[in-house]
PDB file of N, CA and C in Angstrom:
ATOM      1  N   UNK A   1       0.393  -0.962  -0.054  1.00  0.00           N
ATOM      2  CA  UNK A   1       0.177   0.026   0.006  1.00  0.00           C
ATOM      3  C   UNK A   1       1.063   1.535   0.056  1.00  0.00           C
ATOM      4  N   UNK A   2       2.009   1.349   0.861  1.00  0.00           N
ATOM      5  CA  UNK A   2       2.626   2.740   0.999  1.00  0.00           C
ATOM      6  C   UNK A   2       3.424   2.588  -0.150  1.00  0.00           C
ATOM      7  N   UNK A   3       4.180   1.472  -0.548  1.00  0.00           N
ATOM      8  CA  UNK A   3       5.128   1.173  -1.645  1.00  0.00           C
ATOM      9  C   UNK A   3       4.168   2.079  -3.138  1.00  0.00           C
ATOM     10  N   UNK A   4       3.055   1.192  -3.245  1.00  0.00           N
ATOM     11  CA  UNK A   4       2.304   1.716  -4.396  1.00  0.00           C
ATOM     12  C   UNK A   4       1.978   3.050  -4.210  1.00  0.00           C
ATOM     13  N   UNK A   5       1.755   3.797  -3.309  1.00  0.00           N
ATOM     14  CA  UNK A   5       1.542   5.242  -3.103  1.00  0.00           C
ATOM     15  C   UNK A   5       2.650   6.024  -3.503  1.00  0.00           C
ATOM     16  N   UNK A   6       4.281   5.558  -3.142  1.00  0.00           N
ATOM     17  CA  UNK A   6       5.247   6.127  -3.162  1.00  0.00           C
ATOM     18  C   UNK A   6       5.696   6.067  -4.762  1.00  0.00           C
ATOM     19  N   UNK A   7       5.219   4.589  -5.267  1.00  0.00           N
ATOM     20  CA  UNK A   7       5.600   4.644  -6.943  1.00  0.00           C
ATOM     21  C   UNK A   7       4.488   5.454  -7.704  1.00  0.00           C
ATOM     22  N   UNK A   8       2.908   5.772  -7.473  1.00  0.00           N
ATOM     23  CA  UNK A   8       2.140   6.538  -8.026  1.00  0.00           C
ATOM     24  C   UNK A   8       2.844   7.861  -7.884  1.00  0.00           C
ATOM     25  N   UNK A   9       3.340   8.540  -6.533  1.00  0.00           N
ATOM     26  CA  UNK A   9       3.554   9.740  -6.516  1.00  0.00           C
ATOM     27  C   UNK A   9       4.487  10.137  -7.087  1.00  0.00           C
ATOM     28  N   UNK A  10       5.740   9.091  -7.078  1.00  0.00           N
ATOM     29  CA  UNK A  10       6.915   9.555  -7.941  1.00  0.00           C
ATOM     30  C   UNK A  10       6.388   9.560  -9.556  1.00  0.00           C
ATOM     31  N   UNK A  11       5.770   8.586 -10.171  1.00  0.00           N
ATOM     32  CA  UNK A  11       5.493   8.645 -11.296  1.00  0.00           C
ATOM     33  C   UNK A  11       5.015   9.779 -11.834  1.00  0.00           C
ATOM     34  N   UNK A  12       3.863  10.245 -10.863  1.00  0.00           N
ATOM     35  CA  UNK A  12       3.365  11.489 -11.331  1.00  0.00           C
ATOM     36  C   UNK A  12       3.991  13.205 -11.376  1.00  0.00           C
ATOM     37  N   UNK A  13       5.277  12.755 -10.481  1.00  0.00           N
ATOM     38  CA  UNK A  13       5.948  13.674 -10.026  1.00  0.00           C
ATOM     39  C   UNK A  13       6.688  13.639 -11.394  1.00  0.00           C
ATOM     40  N   UNK A  14       7.603  12.949 -11.823  1.00  0.00           N
ATOM     41  CA  UNK A  14       8.032  12.754 -13.035  1.00  0.00           C
ATOM     42  C   UNK A  14       7.551  13.391 -14.087  1.00  0.00           C
ATOM     43  N   UNK A  15       6.329  13.182 -14.395  1.00  0.00           N
ATOM     44  CA  UNK A  15       5.783  14.072 -15.180  1.00  0.00           C
ATOM     45  C   UNK A  15       4.948  15.048 -15.396  1.00  0.00           C
ATOM     46  N   UNK A  16       4.497  15.427 -14.173  1.00  0.00           N
ATOM     47  CA  UNK A  16       3.984  16.901 -13.753  1.00  0.00           C
ATOM     48  C   UNK A  16       3.964  17.626 -12.603  1.00  0.00           C
ATOM     49  N   UNK A  17       5.438  16.969 -12.056  1.00  0.00           N
ATOM     50  CA  UNK A  17       5.794  18.086 -11.171  1.00  0.00           C
ATOM     51  C   UNK A  17       5.766  17.675  -9.608  1.00  0.00           C
ATOM     52  N   UNK A  18       6.259  18.002  -8.473  1.00  0.00           N
ATOM     53  CA  UNK A  18       6.503  17.279  -7.355  1.00  0.00           C
ATOM     54  C   UNK A  18       4.978  17.641  -6.243  1.00  0.00           C
ATOM     55  N   UNK A  19       4.442  18.892  -6.913  1.00  0.00           N
ATOM     56  CA  UNK A  19       3.364  19.207  -6.122  1.00  0.00           C
ATOM     57  C   UNK A  19       2.315  17.997  -6.735  1.00  0.00           C
ATOM     58  N   UNK A  20       2.224  17.640  -8.265  1.00  0.00           N
ATOM     59  CA  UNK A  20       0.757  17.013  -7.907  1.00  0.00           C
ATOM     60  C   UNK A  20       1.620  15.720  -7.365  1.00  0.00           C
ATOM     61  N   UNK A  21       2.896  15.387  -7.644  1.00  0.00           N
ATOM     62  CA  UNK A  21       3.201  14.031  -7.245  1.00  0.00           C
ATOM     63  C   UNK A  21       2.923  13.539  -5.741  1.00  0.00           C
ATOM     64  N   UNK A  22       2.560  14.804  -5.049  1.00  0.00           N
ATOM     65  CA  UNK A  22       2.408  14.725  -3.607  1.00  0.00           C
ATOM     66  C   UNK A  22       1.668  14.481  -3.281  1.00  0.00           C
ATOM     67  N   UNK A  23       0.395  15.147  -4.361  1.00  0.00           N
ATOM     68  CA  UNK A  23      -1.240  15.037  -4.230  1.00  0.00           C
ATOM     69  C   UNK A  23      -1.404  13.904  -4.440  1.00  0.00           C
ATOM     70  N   UNK A  24      -0.465  13.372  -5.660  1.00  0.00           N
ATOM     71  CA  UNK A  24      -1.167  11.998  -5.882  1.00  0.00           C
ATOM     72  C   UNK A  24      -0.929  10.709  -5.004  1.00  0.00           C
ATOM     73  N   UNK A  25       0.441  11.062  -4.188  1.00  0.00           N
ATOM     74  CA  UNK A  25       0.532   9.919  -3.098  1.00  0.00           C
ATOM     75  C   UNK A  25      -0.623   9.909  -2.265  1.00  0.00           C
ATOM     76  N   UNK A  26      -0.364  11.123  -1.652  1.00  0.00           N
ATOM     77  CA  UNK A  26      -1.466  11.004  -0.675  1.00  0.00           C
ATOM     78  C   UNK A  26      -3.022  10.821  -1.032  1.00  0.00           C
ATOM     79  N   UNK A  27      -3.658  10.899  -2.339  1.00  0.00           N
ATOM     80  CA  UNK A  27      -4.599  10.161  -2.479  1.00  0.00           C
ATOM     81  C   UNK A  27      -4.866   9.071  -2.795  1.00  0.00           C
ATOM     82  N   UNK A  28      -3.592   8.594  -3.560  1.00  0.00           N
ATOM     83  CA  UNK A  28      -3.772   7.009  -3.354  1.00  0.00           C
ATOM     84  C   UNK A  28      -3.707   6.193  -1.876  1.00  0.00           C
ATOM     85  N   UNK A  29      -2.574   6.732  -1.112  1.00  0.00           N
ATOM     86  CA  UNK A  29      -3.173   6.589   0.258  1.00  0.00           C
ATOM     87  C   UNK A  29      -4.644   6.310   0.907  1.00  0.00           C
ATOM     88  N   UNK A  30      -4.919   7.706   0.705  1.00  0.00           N
ATOM     89  CA  UNK A  30      -6.282   7.662   0.971  1.00  0.00           C
ATOM     90  C   UNK A  30      -7.317   6.912   0.658  1.00  0.00           C
ATOM     91  N   UNK A  31      -7.141   6.207  -0.812  1.00  0.00           N
ATOM     92  CA  UNK A  31      -7.762   5.411  -1.429  1.00  0.00           C
ATOM     93  C   UNK A  31      -7.655   4.182  -1.170  1.00  0.00           C
ATOM     94  N   UNK A  32      -6.505   3.481  -0.802  1.00  0.00           N
ATOM     95  CA  UNK A  32      -6.091   2.391   0.063  1.00  0.00           C
ATOM     96  C   UNK A  32      -6.678   2.251   1.111  1.00  0.00           C
ATOM     97  N   UNK A  33      -6.605   3.530   2.231  1.00  0.00           N
ATOM     98  CA  UNK A  33      -7.284   3.141   3.312  1.00  0.00           C
ATOM     99  C   UNK A  33      -9.042   2.954   3.564  1.00  0.00           C
ATOM    100  N   UNK A  34      -9.217   3.834   2.542  1.00  0.00           N
ATOM    101  CA  UNK A  34     -11.069   3.503   1.994  1.00  0.00           C
ATOM    102  C   UNK A  34     -11.097   2.092   1.862  1.00  0.00           C
ATOM    103  N   UNK A  35     -10.250   1.767   0.929  1.00  0.00           N
ATOM    104  CA  UNK A  35     -10.769   0.529   0.279  1.00  0.00           C
ATOM    105  C   UNK A  35     -10.449  -0.704   1.718  1.00  0.00           C
ATOM    106  N   UNK A  36      -9.370  -0.475   2.440  1.00  0.00           N
ATOM    107  CA  UNK A  36      -9.609  -1.595   3.536  1.00  0.00           C
ATOM    108  C   UNK A  36     -10.192  -1.296   4.677  1.00  0.00           C
ATOM    109  N   UNK A  37     -10.888  -0.308   4.636  1.00  0.00           N
ATOM    110  CA  UNK A  37     -11.890  -0.153   5.573  1.00  0.00           C
ATOM    111  C   UNK A  37     -13.442  -0.160   5.173  1.00  0.00           C
ATOM    112  N   UNK A  38     -13.356  -0.301   3.745  1.00  0.00           N
ATOM    113  CA  UNK A  38     -14.667  -0.723   3.334  1.00  0.00           C
ATOM    114  C   UNK A  38     -14.350  -1.951   2.094  1.00  0.00           C
ATOM    115  N   UNK A  39     -14.144  -3.410   2.877  1.00  0.00           N
ATOM    116  CA  UNK A  39     -13.815  -4.200   1.693  1.00  0.00           C
ATOM    117  C   UNK A  39     -14.825  -4.534   0.558  1.00  0.00           C
ATOM    118  N   UNK A  40     -16.213  -3.609   0.814  1.00  0.00           N
ATOM    119  CA  UNK A  40     -17.034  -3.809  -0.181  1.00  0.00           C
ATOM    120  C   UNK A  40     -16.703  -3.155  -1.513  1.00  0.00           C
ATOM    121  N   UNK A  41     -15.926  -2.186  -0.821  1.00  0.00           N
ATOM    122  CA  UNK A  41     -15.583  -1.179  -1.996  1.00  0.00           C
ATOM    123  C   UNK A  41     -13.866  -1.335  -2.619  1.00  0.00           C
ATOM    124  N   UNK A  42     -13.337  -2.477  -2.228  1.00  0.00           N
ATOM    125  CA  UNK A  42     -12.206  -2.259  -2.679  1.00  0.00           C
ATOM    126  C   UNK A  42     -12.000  -2.533  -3.733  1.00  0.00           C
ATOM    127  N   UNK A  43     -12.361  -3.383  -5.070  1.00  0.00           N
ATOM    128  CA  UNK A  43     -12.029  -3.961  -5.900  1.00  0.00           C
ATOM    129  C   UNK A  43     -12.304  -2.035  -7.010  1.00  0.00           C
ATOM    130  N   UNK A  44     -13.178  -1.279  -6.422  1.00  0.00           N
ATOM    131  CA  UNK A  44     -13.359   0.144  -6.739  1.00  0.00           C
ATOM    132  C   UNK A  44     -12.326   1.250  -6.522  1.00  0.00           C
ATOM    133  N   UNK A  45     -11.993   0.938  -6.075  1.00  0.00           N
ATOM    134  CA  UNK A  45     -10.965   1.825  -5.030  1.00  0.00           C
ATOM    135  C   UNK A  45      -9.446   1.388  -6.152  1.00  0.00           C
ATOM    136  N   UNK A  46      -9.341   0.331  -5.838  1.00  0.00           N
ATOM    137  CA  UNK A  46      -8.263  -0.563  -6.533  1.00  0.00           C
ATOM    138  C   UNK A  46      -8.464  -0.327  -8.193  1.00  0.00           C
ATOM    139  N   UNK A  47      -9.617  -0.165  -8.810  1.00  0.00           N
ATOM    140  CA  UNK A  47      -9.806   0.117 -10.080  1.00  0.00           C
ATOM    141  C   UNK A  47      -9.630   1.769 -10.792  1.00  0.00           C
ATOM    142  N   UNK A  48      -9.886   2.395  -9.777  1.00  0.00           N
ATOM    143  CA  UNK A  48      -9.839   4.035  -9.455  1.00  0.00           C
ATOM    144  C   UNK A  48      -8.248   4.458  -9.344  1.00  0.00           C
ATOM    145  N   UNK A  49      -7.424   3.611  -8.800  1.00  0.00           N
ATOM    146  CA  UNK A  49      -6.079   3.920  -8.691  1.00  0.00           C
ATOM    147  C   UNK A  49      -5.565   3.454  -9.758  1.00  0.00           C
ATOM    148  N   UNK A  50      -5.740   2.082 -10.645  1.00  0.00           N
ATOM    149  CA  UNK A  50      -5.336   1.458 -11.873  1.00  0.00           C
ATOM    150  C   UNK A  50      -5.724   2.727 -13.264  1.00  0.00           C
ATOM    151  N   UNK A  51      -7.082   3.200 -12.794  1.00  0.00           N
ATOM    152  CA  UNK A  51      -7.282   3.900 -14.240  1.00  0.00           C
ATOM    153  C   UNK A  51      -6.172   5.398 -14.108  1.00  0.00           C
ATOM    154  N   UNK A  52      -6.197   5.836 -12.811  1.00  0.00           N
ATOM    155  CA  UNK A  52      -5.598   7.293 -12.572  1.00  0.00           C
ATOM    156  C   UNK A  52      -4.062   6.470 -13.187  1.00  0.00           C
ATOM    157  N   UNK A  53      -3.452   5.549 -12.615  1.00  0.00           N
ATOM    158  CA  UNK A  53      -2.165   5.117 -13.564  1.00  0.00           C
ATOM    159  C   UNK A  53      -1.999   5.162 -15.020  1.00  0.00           C
ATOM    160  N   UNK A  54      -2.970   4.689 -15.124  1.00  0.00           N
ATOM    161  CA  UNK A  54      -2.809   4.410 -16.874  1.00  0.00           C
ATOM    162  C   UNK A  54      -3.035   5.551 -17.363  1.00  0.00           C
ATOM    163  N   UNK A  55      -3.661   6.532 -17.042  1.00  0.00           N
ATOM    164  CA  UNK A  55      -4.386   8.042 -17.513  1.00  0.00           C
ATOM    165  C   UNK A  55      -2.858   8.924 -17.266  1.00  0.00           C
ATOM    166  N   UNK A  56      -1.869   8.684 -16.258  1.00  0.00           N
ATOM    167  CA  UNK A  56      -0.796   9.275 -16.021  1.00  0.00           C
ATOM    168  C   UNK A  56       0.349   8.784 -17.231  1.00  0.00           C
ATOM    169  N   UNK A  57       0.211   7.372 -17.365  1.00  0.00           N
ATOM    170  CA  UNK A  57       1.301   7.069 -18.472  1.00  0.00           C
ATOM    171  C   UNK A  57       0.485   7.456 -19.841  1.00  0.00           C
ATOM    172  N   UNK A  58      -0.715   7.651 -19.904  1.00  0.00           N
ATOM    173  CA  UNK A  58      -1.182   7.811 -21.410  1.00  0.00           C
ATOM    174  C   UNK A  58      -0.593   9.354 -21.698  1.00  0.00           C
ATOM    175  N   UNK A  59      -1.151  10.042 -21.035  1.00  0.00           N
ATOM    176  CA  UNK A  59      -0.619  11.575 -21.177  1.00  0.00           C
ATOM    177  C   UNK A  59       0.127  12.284 -21.183  1.00  0.00           C
ATOM    178  N   UNK A  60       1.106  11.771 -19.801  1.00  0.00           N
ATOM    179  CA  UNK A  60       2.248  11.996 -19.322  1.00  0.00           C
ATOM    180  C   UNK A  60       3.519  12.449 -20.327  1.00  0.00           C
ATOM    181  N   UNK A  61       3.545  11.310 -21.074  1.00  0.00           N
ATOM    182  CA  UNK A  61       4.545  11.532 -22.239  1.00  0.00           C
ATOM    183  C   UNK A  61       4.099  12.220 -23.353  1.00  0.00           C
ATOM    184  N   UNK A  62       2.812  12.847 -23.722  1.00  0.00           N
ATOM    185  CA  UNK A  62       2.068  12.993 -24.509  1.00  0.00           C
ATOM    186  C   UNK A  62       1.971  14.733 -24.621  1.00  0.00           C
ATOM    187  N   UNK A  63       2.457  15.081 -23.306  1.00  0.00           N
ATOM    188  CA  UNK A  63       2.439  16.175 -22.695  1.00  0.00           C
ATOM    189  C   UNK A  63       3.568  17.194 -23.292  1.00  0.00           C
ATOM    190  N   UNK A  64       3.386  18.784 -23.309  1.00  0.00           N
ATOM    191  CA  UNK A  64       4.923  19.065 -24.290  1.00  0.00           C
ATOM    192  C   UNK A  64       5.943  19.220 -22.680  1.00  0.00           C
ATOM    193  N   UNK A  65       5.043  19.101 -21.770  1.00  0.00           N
ATOM    194  CA  UNK A  65       5.766  19.258 -21.090  1.00  0.00           C
ATOM    195  C   UNK A  65       6.906  19.960 -20.254  1.00  0.00           C
ATOM    196  N   UNK A  66       7.184  20.523 -18.775  1.00  0.00           N
ATOM    197  CA  UNK A  66       8.406  21.425 -18.709  1.00  0.00           C
ATOM    198  C   UNK A  66       9.752  20.195 -17.907  1.00  0.00           C
ATOM    199  N   UNK A  67      10.615  20.885 -18.573  1.00  0.00           N
ATOM    200  CA  UNK A  67      11.873  20.234 -18.434  1.00  0.00           C
ATOM    201  C   UNK A  67      12.460  20.422 -16.930  1.00  0.00           C
ATOM    202  N   UNK A  68      11.528  21.690 -16.308  1.00  0.00           N
ATOM    203  CA  UNK A  68      11.916  21.829 -14.630  1.00  0.00           C
ATOM    204  C   UNK A  68      11.215  21.055 -14.075  1.00  0.00           C
ATOM    205  N   UNK A  69      10.075  20.438 -14.338  1.00  0.00           N
ATOM    206  CA  UNK A  69       9.585  19.843 -13.308  1.00  0.00           C
ATOM    207  C   UNK A  69      10.248  18.277 -13.043  1.00  0.00           C
ATOM    208  N   UNK A  70      10.547  17.670 -13.934  1.00  0.00           N
ATOM    209  CA  UNK A  70      11.449  16.716 -14.033  1.00  0.00           C
ATOM    210  C   UNK A  70      12.908  16.961 -13.492  1.00  0.00           C
ATOM    211  N   UNK A  71      13.467  18.153 -13.628  1.00  0.00           N
ATOM    212  CA  UNK A  71      14.628  18.252 -13.155  1.00  0.00           C
ATOM    213  C   UNK A  71      14.149  18.635 -11.412  1.00  0.00           C
ATOM    214  N   UNK A  72      13.022  18.874 -11.012  1.00  0.00           N
ATOM    215  CA  UNK A  72      13.329  19.000  -9.931  1.00  0.00           C
ATOM    216  C   UNK A  72      13.152  17.838  -9.009  1.00  0.00           C
ATOM    217  N   UNK A  73      12.183  16.851  -9.863  1.00  0.00           N
ATOM    218  CA  UNK A  73      12.194  15.681  -9.312  1.00  0.00           C
ATOM    219  C   UNK A  73      13.194  15.171  -9.121  1.00  0.00           C
ATOM    220  N   UNK A  74      14.025  14.803 -10.353  1.00  0.00           N
ATOM    221  CA  UNK A  74      15.310  14.076 -10.018  1.00  0.00           C
ATOM    222  C   UNK A  74      16.085  14.594  -9.007  1.00  0.00           C
ATOM    223  N   UNK A  75      16.545  15.808  -8.953  1.00  0.00           N
ATOM    224  CA  UNK A  75      16.882  16.580  -7.626  1.00  0.00           C
ATOM    225  C   UNK A  75      16.748  16.315  -6.252  1.00  0.00           C
ATOM    226  N   UNK A  76      14.932  16.394  -6.341  1.00  0.00           N
ATOM    227  CA  UNK A  76      14.741  15.874  -4.313  1.00  0.00           C
ATOM    228  C   UNK A  76      14.887  14.226  -4.598  1.00  0.00           C
ATOM    229  N   UNK A  77      14.806  13.701  -5.702  1.00  0.00           N
ATOM    230  CA  UNK A  77      14.789  12.113  -5.727  1.00  0.00           C
ATOM    231  C   UNK A  77      16.186  11.810  -5.340  1.00  0.00           C
ATOM    232  N   UNK A  78      17.376  12.815  -5.528  1.00  0.00           N
ATOM    233  CA  UNK A  78      18.824  12.496  -5.502  1.00  0.00           C
ATOM    234  C   UNK A  78      19.187  13.165  -3.961  1.00  0.00           C
ATOM    235  N   UNK A  79      18.553  13.798  -3.789  1.00  0.00           N
ATOM    236  CA  UNK A  79      18.530  14.111  -2.382  1.00  0.00           C
ATOM    237  C   UNK A  79      17.845  12.940  -1.210  1.00  0.00           C
ATOM    238  N   UNK A  80      16.682  12.909  -1.489  1.00  0.00           N
ATOM    239  CA  UNK A  80      15.922  11.833  -0.522  1.00  0.00           C
ATOM    240  C   UNK A  80      17.181  10.386  -0.729  1.00  0.00           C
ATOM    241  N   UNK A  81      17.126   9.983  -1.494  1.00  0.00           N
ATOM    242  CA  UNK A  81      18.250   8.691  -1.914  1.00  0.00           C
ATOM    243  C   UNK A  81      19.288   8.892  -1.096  1.00  0.00           C
ATOM    244  N   UNK A  82      20.363  10.192  -0.971  1.00  0.00           N
ATOM    245  CA  UNK A  82      21.169  10.398  -0.374  1.00  0.00           C
ATOM    246  C   UNK A  82      20.857  10.230   1.508  1.00  0.00           C
ATOM    247  N   UNK A  83      19.952  11.065   1.667  1.00  0.00           N
ATOM    248  CA  UNK A  83      19.825  11.234   3.138  1.00  0.00           C
ATOM    249  C   UNK A  83      19.143   9.245   3.553  1.00  0.00           C
ATOM    250  N   UNK A  84      18.709   8.965   2.910  1.00  0.00           N
ATOM    251  CA  UNK A  84      18.024   7.459   2.962  1.00  0.00           C
ATOM    252  C   UNK A  84      19.400   6.754   3.007  1.00  0.00           C
ATOM    253  N   UNK A  85      20.511   6.834   2.419  1.00  0.00           N
ATOM    254  CA  UNK A  85      21.660   6.097   2.656  1.00  0.00           C
ATOM    255  C   UNK A  85      22.502   6.422   3.623  1.00  0.00           C
ATOM    256  N   UNK A  86      22.214   7.664   4.166  1.00  0.00           N
ATOM    257  CA  UNK A  86      23.063   7.783   5.057  1.00  0.00           C
ATOM    258  C   UNK A  86      22.332   7.857   6.205  1.00  0.00           C
ATOM    259  N   UNK A  87      21.257   7.755   6.357  1.00  0.00           N
ATOM    260  CA  UNK A  87      20.509   6.918   7.575  1.00  0.00           C
ATOM    261  C   UNK A  87      20.731   5.604   7.560  1.00  0.00           C
ATOM    262  N   UNK A  88      20.533   5.118   6.820  1.00  0.00           N
ATOM    263  CA  UNK A  88      21.046   3.479   6.753  1.00  0.00           C
ATOM    264  C   UNK A  88      22.820   2.992   7.171  1.00  0.00           C
ATOM    265  N   UNK A  89      23.279   4.001   6.886  1.00  0.00           N
ATOM    266  CA  UNK A  89      24.705   3.725   7.250  1.00  0.00           C
ATOM    267  C   UNK A  89      24.823   4.229   8.416  1.00  0.00           C
ATOM    268  N   UNK A  90      24.134   4.694   8.810  1.00  0.00           N
ATOM    269  CA  UNK A  90      24.294   5.151  10.566  1.00  0.00           C
ATOM    270  C   UNK A  90      23.632   4.609  11.404  1.00  0.00           C
ATOM    271  N   UNK A  91      22.640   3.869  11.220  1.00  0.00           N
ATOM    272  CA  UNK A  91      22.264   2.499  11.774  1.00  0.00           C
ATOM    273  C   UNK A  91      22.531   1.323  11.742  1.00  0.00           C
ATOM    274  N   UNK A  92      23.389   1.097  10.766  1.00  0.00           N
ATOM    275  CA  UNK A  92      24.162  -0.195  10.359  1.00  0.00           C
ATOM    276  C   UNK A  92      25.487  -0.474  11.298  1.00  0.00           C
ATOM    277  N   UNK A  93      25.595   1.147  11.960  1.00  0.00           N
ATOM    278  CA  UNK A  93      27.175   0.853  12.827  1.00  0.00           C
ATOM    279  C   UNK A  93      26.417   0.443  13.947  1.00  0.00           C
TER     280      UNK A  93
END
């Protein structure tokens, strides 16, 4: 659930910017929690998330796009990866 939301957020951030990616990740988490809370609606929530991802994959590459959104995403991803590695090394000692 959490990994799925992070992947959805990262995919959306790559094509549409970091802010849109954060909104998409939070929305995915909310839908996943709704699906867990209401098992009768689980298939509908997964379907909606799947349609959203398919839409991002369809529209994202075709959009003229801003290069700065991709650069912002890659910069933040690099910073986050560096912090995670430093924390991992610190905890490993």
